[in-house]
Amino acid sequence: MIRAIGDPDTAAGLDLMRARSPVHRAGGIRAPLLIAQGATAPRVKQAESDQRVAALDAKRLTVTDPLFPDEGHGFVRPENRLALYARAEAILARHLGGHAESLRTRRPRRAMPRRSCATADAQSSICPRL
């Protein structure tokens, strides 16, 4: 693993880690970016995602960063996947042109309505779950 990502105990290893780190490469990003985060992700912690977003904000780059409180690493809940795809569709439509379906029309049919990321506003950073 150290050969792949660098040894933090050596100068060369630290240089390799910095060269590959998304936080240190934020200045090279030119296009709007979507960073979706599962709050319970065991591999990519929310704090790491927040660091990336802060680095992009510092460079005044456009970033959308929805947080899914009930997801881990990967989006397995259908309502969260739908919300993520809707968010991506809205971003693509806004920056590339075209049409994005309103999130309001995507409300899933259920006996009792439940608010989730699938029905949250596309501009919101946090997807509430009631």
Protein backbone atom coordinates (compact mmCIF):
# COMPACT_ATOMS: atom_id res chain seq x y z
CA MET A 1 0.00 0.00 0.00
CA ILE A 2 2.84 2.41 0.78
CA ARG A 3 4.23 1.96 -2.76
CA ALA A 4 0.86 2.94 -4.22
CA ILE A 5 0.07 5.99 -2.07
CA GLY A 6 3.42 7.00 -0.52
CA ASP A 7 5.13 6.59 2.82
CA PRO A 8 4.21 9.49 5.10
CA ASP A 9 7.47 8.99 7.03
CA THR A 10 9.67 10.02 4.09
CA ALA A 11 9.95 13.26 2.11
CA ALA A 12 9.50 11.39 -1.18
CA GLY A 13 6.44 9.62 0.19
CA LEU A 14 4.88 12.86 1.34
CA ASP A 15 5.53 14.41 -2.08
CA LEU A 16 3.83 11.44 -3.75
CA MET A 17 0.84 11.72 -1.41
CA ARG A 18 0.49 15.46 -2.06
CA ALA A 19 0.74 14.93 -5.82
CA ARG A 20 -2.18 12.48 -5.72
CA SER A 21 -4.29 14.19 -3.07
CA PRO A 22 -7.59 15.71 -4.27
CA VAL A 23 -7.23 18.47 -1.66
CA HIS A 24 -3.89 19.58 -3.11
CA ARG A 25 -5.16 19.35 -6.70
CA ALA A 26 -8.24 21.56 -6.26
CA GLY A 27 -6.60 24.39 -8.20
CA GLY A 28 -6.50 22.22 -11.33
CA ILE A 29 -10.27 21.75 -11.39
CA ARG A 30 -12.03 24.04 -13.85
CA ALA A 31 -15.50 22.54 -14.26
CA PRO A 32 -18.34 22.50 -11.71
CA LEU A 33 -18.04 19.51 -9.41
CA LEU A 34 -20.47 17.22 -7.59
CA ILE A 35 -19.14 15.62 -4.40
CA ALA A 36 -21.74 13.31 -2.85
CA GLN A 37 -20.99 12.01 0.63
CA GLY A 38 -22.50 9.29 2.77
CA ALA A 39 -22.25 10.42 6.39
CA THR A 40 -21.49 6.89 7.62
CA ALA A 41 -18.86 6.03 4.99
CA PRO A 42 -16.09 3.96 6.63
CA ARG A 43 -13.45 4.65 3.93
CA VAL A 44 -13.93 8.30 2.95
CA LYS A 45 -14.85 10.13 6.13
CA GLN A 46 -17.13 13.14 6.02
CA ALA A 47 -14.29 15.33 7.33
CA GLU A 48 -12.20 14.40 4.26
CA SER A 49 -15.05 15.29 1.95
CA ASP A 50 -15.51 18.56 3.82
CA GLN A 51 -11.79 19.33 3.29
CA ARG A 52 -12.19 18.89 -0.47
CA VAL A 53 -15.25 21.12 -0.54
CA ALA A 54 -13.46 23.79 1.54
CA ALA A 55 -10.45 23.69 -0.82
CA LEU A 56 -12.77 24.15 -3.82
CA ASP A 57 -14.67 26.95 -2.08
CA ALA A 58 -11.37 28.69 -1.32
CA LYS A 59 -10.60 28.63 -5.05
CA ARG A 60 -14.11 29.97 -5.74
CA LEU A 61 -15.02 26.93 -7.81
CA THR A 62 -18.58 25.71 -8.22
CA VAL A 63 -19.20 22.66 -6.07
CA THR A 64 -22.41 20.91 -5.07
CA ASP A 65 -21.97 18.71 -2.02
CA PRO A 66 -25.05 16.78 -0.91
CA LEU A 67 -24.69 14.85 2.33
CA PHE A 68 -26.70 11.67 2.74
CA PRO A 69 -26.99 10.97 6.49
CA ASP A 70 -28.13 7.37 6.07
CA GLU A 71 -25.59 6.20 3.48
CA GLY A 72 -22.12 4.77 3.72
CA HIS A 73 -19.54 4.27 0.97
CA GLY A 74 -21.73 3.92 -2.09
CA PHE A 75 -25.40 4.67 -2.47
CA VAL A 76 -27.52 1.58 -1.89
CA ARG A 77 -30.83 3.07 -0.82
CA PRO A 78 -33.01 3.57 -3.92
CA GLU A 79 -34.36 6.94 -2.74
CA ASN A 80 -30.82 8.24 -2.19
CA ARG A 81 -29.63 6.96 -5.55
CA LEU A 82 -32.59 8.67 -7.22
CA ALA A 83 -31.82 11.91 -5.38
CA LEU A 84 -28.16 11.74 -6.40
CA TYR A 85 -29.05 11.12 -10.05
CA ALA A 86 -31.56 13.99 -9.95
CA ARG A 87 -28.89 16.27 -8.48
CA ALA A 88 -26.44 15.24 -11.22
CA GLU A 89 -29.11 15.80 -13.89
CA ALA A 90 -29.82 19.31 -12.55
CA ILE A 91 -26.11 20.18 -12.56
CA LEU A 92 -25.64 18.92 -16.11
CA ALA A 93 -28.70 20.83 -17.33
CA ARG A 94 -27.57 24.03 -15.59
CA HIS A 95 -24.00 23.95 -16.90
CA LEU A 96 -24.33 22.18 -20.24
CA GLY A 97 -27.83 23.22 -21.19
CA GLY A 98 -30.85 21.05 -21.62
CA HIS A 99 -33.73 19.94 -19.45
CA ALA A 100 -33.83 18.51 -15.95
CA GLU A 101 -36.97 17.03 -14.50
CA SER A 102 -38.18 18.77 -11.38
CA LEU A 103 -37.54 16.90 -8.16
CA ARG A 104 -41.10 17.71 -7.11
CA THR A 105 -42.47 15.51 -9.90
CA ARG A 106 -40.31 12.56 -8.84
CA ARG A 107 -42.02 12.00 -5.49
CA PRO A 108 -42.31 8.24 -5.01
CA ARG A 109 -45.76 6.78 -4.47
CA ARG A 110 -46.15 5.58 -0.90
CA ALA A 111 -49.08 5.06 1.42
CA MET A 112 -47.63 7.67 3.77
CA PRO A 113 -45.51 10.43 2.24
CA ARG A 114 -42.01 10.60 3.67
CA ARG A 115 -39.54 13.38 3.06
CA SER A 116 -36.16 12.17 1.84
CA CYS A 117 -33.36 13.26 -0.47
CA ALA A 118 -35.58 12.28 -3.39
CA THR A 119 -37.99 15.09 -2.49
CA ALA A 120 -35.49 17.63 -1.11
CA ASP A 121 -34.59 20.80 -2.97
CA ALA A 122 -31.80 20.21 -5.52
CA GLN A 123 -29.83 23.18 -4.13
CA SER A 124 -29.80 21.86 -0.54
CA SER A 125 -26.49 20.60 0.84
CA ILE A 126 -28.03 18.18 3.30
CA CYS A 127 -30.75 15.70 2.45
CA PRO A 128 -33.09 15.54 5.46
CA ARG A 129 -34.73 12.34 6.53
CA LEU A 130 -37.83 12.48 8.72
